[in-house]
Amino acid sequence: MFEKVVSTLDQITEKLDKLSGFISIILLGVIAICVNIGIFYRYVLTAGLPWSEEIPKFGMVWMGFIGTSMALRRDQHIGFHAVTERLSVKYQLFFKLLSDFLILFLLIMLIRWGFYLAFTIGPYSVTPQLNISYFWLLQIVPISGILMMLQLIMKILRNIIRFFEINE
């Protein structure tokens, strides 16, 4: 039963990871197009486009937040590998689980305050050039927090299974 839940969650998080990668590729393309259009207008037509700076800026923020869940799934965040490598496998897993639960707590705070920020400040302020509500731009904070939390829960489940396999 437990293995079925873990397998299903693994499939879901894998699909979310692929979707995150796809969205990141699209955002990168939009950023490249907007920057090149902005350069063309500024230096060839000598008329600047104000939105050509704003769209890439928000696209990079979204891409960065989405990329954090992808990095979390692949274990590519900064860690203390030099310290934990000297421990036994059992203690390595213990400290991984401990740090993962700490990160989970921080992600819960990120999601909570991300929603708070988006719903309290977002609807009342707009971007200078595009006149888009910051509500839509700030949604990436809780969205990425949820994506990271799902990836982290999957990681925790895998590490718990490994921890009990080692102790048998």
C-alpha atoms as a PDB file:
ATOM      1  CA  MET A   1       0.000   0.000   0.000  1.00  0.00           C
ATOM      2  CA  PHE A   2       2.749   2.438   1.030  1.00  0.00           C
ATOM      3  CA  GLU A   3       4.813   1.596  -2.041  1.00  0.00           C
ATOM      4  CA  LYS A   4       1.784   2.285  -4.285  1.00  0.00           C
ATOM      5  CA  VAL A   5       1.346   5.750  -2.747  1.00  0.00           C
ATOM      6  CA  VAL A   6       5.047   6.507  -3.164  1.00  0.00           C
ATOM      7  CA  SER A   7       4.979   5.262  -6.763  1.00  0.00           C
ATOM      8  CA  THR A   8       1.940   7.399  -7.598  1.00  0.00           C
ATOM      9  CA  LEU A   9       3.448  10.481  -5.951  1.00  0.00           C
ATOM     10  CA  ASP A  10       6.701   9.848  -7.825  1.00  0.00           C
ATOM     11  CA  GLN A  11       4.828   9.786 -11.138  1.00  0.00           C
ATOM     12  CA  ILE A  12       3.011  13.020 -10.255  1.00  0.00           C
ATOM     13  CA  THR A  13       6.187  14.818  -9.225  1.00  0.00           C
ATOM     14  CA  GLU A  14       7.986  13.593 -12.342  1.00  0.00           C
ATOM     15  CA  LYS A  15       5.219  15.021 -14.542  1.00  0.00           C
ATOM     16  CA  LEU A  16       5.288  18.289 -12.591  1.00  0.00           C
ATOM     17  CA  ASP A  17       9.055  18.424 -13.081  1.00  0.00           C
ATOM     18  CA  LYS A  18       8.666  17.950 -16.839  1.00  0.00           C
ATOM     19  CA  LEU A  19       5.948  20.622 -16.916  1.00  0.00           C
ATOM     20  CA  SER A  20       8.217  22.977 -14.974  1.00  0.00           C
ATOM     21  CA  GLY A  21      10.998  22.372 -17.479  1.00  0.00           C
ATOM     22  CA  PHE A  22       8.636  23.011 -20.385  1.00  0.00           C
ATOM     23  CA  ILE A  23       7.388  26.256 -18.825  1.00  0.00           C
ATOM     24  CA  SER A  24      10.987  27.340 -18.179  1.00  0.00           C
ATOM     25  CA  ILE A  25      11.902  26.729 -21.825  1.00  0.00           C
ATOM     26  CA  ILE A  26       8.916  28.789 -22.975  1.00  0.00           C
ATOM     27  CA  LEU A  27       9.821  31.588 -20.560  1.00  0.00           C
ATOM     28  CA  LEU A  28      13.417  31.551 -21.786  1.00  0.00           C
ATOM     29  CA  GLY A  29      12.179  31.851 -25.366  1.00  0.00           C
ATOM     30  CA  VAL A  30       9.865  34.745 -24.473  1.00  0.00           C
ATOM     31  CA  ILE A  31      12.704  36.483 -22.643  1.00  0.00           C
ATOM     32  CA  ALA A  32      15.072  36.077 -25.613  1.00  0.00           C
ATOM     33  CA  ILE A  33      12.477  37.347 -28.091  1.00  0.00           C
ATOM     34  CA  CYS A  34      11.538  40.365 -25.968  1.00  0.00           C
ATOM     35  CA  VAL A  35      15.156  41.339 -25.348  1.00  0.00           C
ATOM     36  CA  ASN A  36      16.020  41.053 -29.047  1.00  0.00           C
ATOM     37  CA  ILE A  37      12.953  43.068 -30.064  1.00  0.00           C
ATOM     38  CA  GLY A  38      13.911  45.694 -27.488  1.00  0.00           C
ATOM     39  CA  ILE A  39      17.462  45.878 -28.827  1.00  0.00           C
ATOM     40  CA  PHE A  40      16.211  46.147 -32.404  1.00  0.00           C
ATOM     41  CA  TYR A  41      13.803  48.952 -31.565  1.00  0.00           C
ATOM     42  CA  ARG A  42      16.306  50.849 -29.418  1.00  0.00           C
ATOM     43  CA  TYR A  43      19.337  50.698 -31.698  1.00  0.00           C
ATOM     44  CA  VAL A  44      17.901  50.273 -35.193  1.00  0.00           C
ATOM     45  CA  LEU A  45      14.634  52.191 -34.998  1.00  0.00           C
ATOM     46  CA  THR A  46      15.872  54.519 -32.195  1.00  0.00           C
ATOM     47  CA  ALA A  47      12.621  54.109 -30.275  1.00  0.00           C
ATOM     48  CA  GLY A  48      12.651  52.229 -26.992  1.00  0.00           C
ATOM     49  CA  LEU A  49       9.923  49.803 -26.009  1.00  0.00           C
ATOM     50  CA  PRO A  50       9.214  50.052 -22.275  1.00  0.00           C
ATOM     51  CA  TRP A  51       7.683  46.576 -22.027  1.00  0.00           C
ATOM     52  CA  SER A  52      10.804  44.978 -23.509  1.00  0.00           C
ATOM     53  CA  GLU A  53      12.473  45.327 -20.102  1.00  0.00           C
ATOM     54  CA  GLU A  54       9.510  44.471 -17.901  1.00  0.00           C
ATOM     55  CA  ILE A  55       8.508  41.173 -19.511  1.00  0.00           C
ATOM     56  CA  PRO A  56      12.034  39.666 -19.344  1.00  0.00           C
ATOM     57  CA  LYS A  57      12.415  40.811 -15.735  1.00  0.00           C
ATOM     58  CA  PHE A  58       9.244  39.069 -14.616  1.00  0.00           C
ATOM     59  CA  GLY A  59       9.973  36.078 -16.836  1.00  0.00           C
ATOM     60  CA  MET A  60      13.359  35.632 -15.151  1.00  0.00           C
ATOM     61  CA  VAL A  61      11.753  35.798 -11.707  1.00  0.00           C
ATOM     62  CA  TRP A  62       9.183  33.179 -12.679  1.00  0.00           C
ATOM     63  CA  MET A  63      11.853  31.014 -14.302  1.00  0.00           C
ATOM     64  CA  GLY A  64      14.036  31.221 -11.196  1.00  0.00           C
ATOM     65  CA  PHE A  65      11.217  30.247  -8.864  1.00  0.00           C
ATOM     66  CA  ILE A  66      10.107  27.384 -11.101  1.00  0.00           C
ATOM     67  CA  GLY A  67      13.719  26.206 -11.408  1.00  0.00           C
ATOM     68  CA  THR A  68      14.011  25.827  -7.639  1.00  0.00           C
ATOM     69  CA  SER A  69      11.591  22.897  -7.625  1.00  0.00           C
ATOM     70  CA  MET A  70      13.538  21.280 -10.458  1.00  0.00           C
ATOM     71  CA  ALA A  71      16.799  21.746  -8.554  1.00  0.00           C
ATOM     72  CA  LEU A  72      15.213  20.339  -5.389  1.00  0.00           C
ATOM     73  CA  ARG A  73      14.124  17.185  -7.224  1.00  0.00           C
ATOM     74  CA  ARG A  74      17.646  16.663  -8.580  1.00  0.00           C
ATOM     75  CA  ASP A  75      19.358  17.476  -5.247  1.00  0.00           C
ATOM     76  CA  GLN A  76      21.238  20.395  -6.799  1.00  0.00           C
ATOM     77  CA  HIS A  77      20.793  22.914  -4.013  1.00  0.00           C
ATOM     78  CA  ILE A  78      23.681  23.985  -1.817  1.00  0.00           C
ATOM     79  CA  GLY A  79      24.442  21.474   0.904  1.00  0.00           C
ATOM     80  CA  PHE A  80      27.042  20.352   3.413  1.00  0.00           C
ATOM     81  CA  HIS A  81      28.253  17.362   1.442  1.00  0.00           C
ATOM     82  CA  ALA A  82      31.838  17.717   2.633  1.00  0.00           C
ATOM     83  CA  VAL A  83      30.670  17.314   6.235  1.00  0.00           C
ATOM     84  CA  THR A  84      28.033  14.616   5.750  1.00  0.00           C
ATOM     85  CA  GLU A  85      30.159  12.438   3.451  1.00  0.00           C
ATOM     86  CA  ARG A  86      32.338  11.502   6.422  1.00  0.00           C
ATOM     87  CA  LEU A  87      29.364  10.045   8.310  1.00  0.00           C
ATOM     88  CA  SER A  88      27.967   6.543   7.991  1.00  0.00           C
ATOM     89  CA  VAL A  89      25.116   6.037   5.525  1.00  0.00           C
ATOM     90  CA  LYS A  90      22.645   5.749   8.402  1.00  0.00           C
ATOM     91  CA  TYR A  91      23.644   9.140   9.818  1.00  0.00           C
ATOM     92  CA  GLN A  92      23.779  10.712   6.356  1.00  0.00           C
ATOM     93  CA  LEU A  93      20.151   9.731   5.822  1.00  0.00           C
ATOM     94  CA  PHE A  94      19.234  10.920   9.306  1.00  0.00           C
ATOM     95  CA  PHE A  95      20.708  14.374   8.664  1.00  0.00           C
ATOM     96  CA  LYS A  96      19.132  14.501   5.191  1.00  0.00           C
ATOM     97  CA  LEU A  97      15.754  13.802   6.747  1.00  0.00           C
ATOM     98  CA  LEU A  98      16.359  16.371   9.456  1.00  0.00           C
ATOM     99  CA  SER A  99      17.296  19.048   6.929  1.00  0.00           C
ATOM    100  CA  ASP A 100      14.396  18.061   4.661  1.00  0.00           C
ATOM    101  CA  PHE A 101      11.914  18.530   7.501  1.00  0.00           C
ATOM    102  CA  LEU A 102      13.450  21.928   8.253  1.00  0.00           C
ATOM    103  CA  ILE A 103      13.117  22.873   4.582  1.00  0.00           C
ATOM    104  CA  LEU A 104       9.510  21.615   4.640  1.00  0.00           C
ATOM    105  CA  PHE A 105       8.745  23.952   7.527  1.00  0.00           C
ATOM    106  CA  LEU A 106      10.328  26.866   5.642  1.00  0.00           C
ATOM    107  CA  LEU A 107       8.339  25.991   2.517  1.00  0.00           C
ATOM    108  CA  ILE A 108       5.118  26.057   4.517  1.00  0.00           C
ATOM    109  CA  MET A 109       6.052  29.570   5.652  1.00  0.00           C
ATOM    110  CA  LEU A 110       6.927  30.552   2.070  1.00  0.00           C
ATOM    111  CA  ILE A 111       3.552  29.335   0.804  1.00  0.00           C
ATOM    112  CA  ARG A 112       1.650  31.019   3.621  1.00  0.00           C
ATOM    113  CA  TRP A 113       3.377  34.370   3.262  1.00  0.00           C
ATOM    114  CA  GLY A 114       3.405  34.111  -0.526  1.00  0.00           C
ATOM    115  CA  PHE A 115      -0.379  33.860  -0.573  1.00  0.00           C
ATOM    116  CA  TYR A 116      -0.585  36.660   1.980  1.00  0.00           C
ATOM    117  CA  LEU A 117       1.629  38.909  -0.128  1.00  0.00           C
ATOM    118  CA  ALA A 118      -0.204  38.101  -3.360  1.00  0.00           C
ATOM    119  CA  PHE A 119      -3.659  38.687  -1.894  1.00  0.00           C
ATOM    120  CA  THR A 120      -2.897  41.757   0.231  1.00  0.00           C
ATOM    121  CA  ILE A 121      -0.442  43.773  -1.859  1.00  0.00           C
ATOM    122  CA  GLY A 122      -0.893  42.271  -5.306  1.00  0.00           C
ATOM    123  CA  PRO A 123      -4.422  43.449  -6.165  1.00  0.00           C
ATOM    124  CA  TYR A 124      -3.653  47.058  -5.220  1.00  0.00           C
ATOM    125  CA  SER A 125      -0.506  47.652  -7.249  1.00  0.00           C
ATOM    126  CA  VAL A 126       0.247  47.372 -10.946  1.00  0.00           C
ATOM    127  CA  THR A 127       3.386  47.151 -13.032  1.00  0.00           C
ATOM    128  CA  PRO A 128       4.630  50.509 -14.350  1.00  0.00           C
ATOM    129  CA  GLN A 129       4.659  49.752 -18.086  1.00  0.00           C
ATOM    130  CA  LEU A 130       2.239  46.919 -18.731  1.00  0.00           C
ATOM    131  CA  ASN A 131      -0.298  47.914 -16.077  1.00  0.00           C
ATOM    132  CA  ILE A 132      -0.655  44.265 -14.967  1.00  0.00           C
ATOM    133  CA  SER A 133      -1.732  43.588 -11.407  1.00  0.00           C
ATOM    134  CA  TYR A 134       1.118  42.368  -9.223  1.00  0.00           C
ATOM    135  CA  PHE A 135      -1.338  39.761  -7.967  1.00  0.00           C
ATOM    136  CA  TRP A 136      -0.620  37.666 -11.086  1.00  0.00           C
ATOM    137  CA  LEU A 137       3.120  38.170 -10.857  1.00  0.00           C
ATOM    138  CA  LEU A 138       3.310  37.322  -7.143  1.00  0.00           C
ATOM    139  CA  GLN A 139       1.427  34.054  -7.584  1.00  0.00           C
ATOM    140  CA  ILE A 140       4.714  32.381  -8.457  1.00  0.00           C
ATOM    141  CA  VAL A 141       5.833  32.503  -4.814  1.00  0.00           C
ATOM    142  CA  PRO A 142       3.136  30.155  -3.442  1.00  0.00           C
ATOM    143  CA  ILE A 143       3.006  28.135  -6.697  1.00  0.00           C
ATOM    144  CA  SER A 144       6.726  27.410  -6.572  1.00  0.00           C
ATOM    145  CA  GLY A 145       6.456  26.721  -2.845  1.00  0.00           C
ATOM    146  CA  ILE A 146       3.804  24.082  -3.523  1.00  0.00           C
ATOM    147  CA  LEU A 147       5.879  22.568  -6.332  1.00  0.00           C
ATOM    148  CA  MET A 148       8.944  22.441  -4.063  1.00  0.00           C
ATOM    149  CA  MET A 149       6.900  20.979  -1.215  1.00  0.00           C
ATOM    150  CA  LEU A 150       5.625  18.147  -3.420  1.00  0.00           C
ATOM    151  CA  GLN A 151       9.149  17.387  -4.639  1.00  0.00           C
ATOM    152  CA  LEU A 152      10.437  17.514  -1.071  1.00  0.00           C
ATOM    153  CA  ILE A 153       7.729  15.189   0.248  1.00  0.00           C
ATOM    154  CA  MET A 154       8.719  12.713  -2.449  1.00  0.00           C
ATOM    155  CA  LYS A 155      12.363  13.045  -1.399  1.00  0.00           C
ATOM    156  CA  ILE A 156      11.454  12.539   2.260  1.00  0.00           C
ATOM    157  CA  LEU A 157       9.471   9.394   1.454  1.00  0.00           C
ATOM    158  CA  ARG A 158      12.371   7.964  -0.553  1.00  0.00           C
ATOM    159  CA  ASN A 159      14.816   8.718   2.271  1.00  0.00           C
ATOM    160  CA  ILE A 160      12.505   7.189   4.898  1.00  0.00           C
ATOM    161  CA  ILE A 161      12.288   4.002   2.835  1.00  0.00           C
ATOM    162  CA  ARG A 162      16.096   3.941   2.465  1.00  0.00           C
ATOM    163  CA  PHE A 163      16.532   4.646   6.188  1.00  0.00           C
ATOM    164  CA  PHE A 164      14.412   1.662   7.183  1.00  0.00           C
ATOM    165  CA  GLU A 165      16.063  -0.580   4.571  1.00  0.00           C
ATOM    166  CA  ILE A 166      19.460   0.209   6.078  1.00  0.00           C
ATOM    167  CA  ASN A 167      18.244  -0.481   9.621  1.00  0.00           C
ATOM    168  CA  GLU A 168      16.895  -3.928   8.741  1.00  0.00           C
END
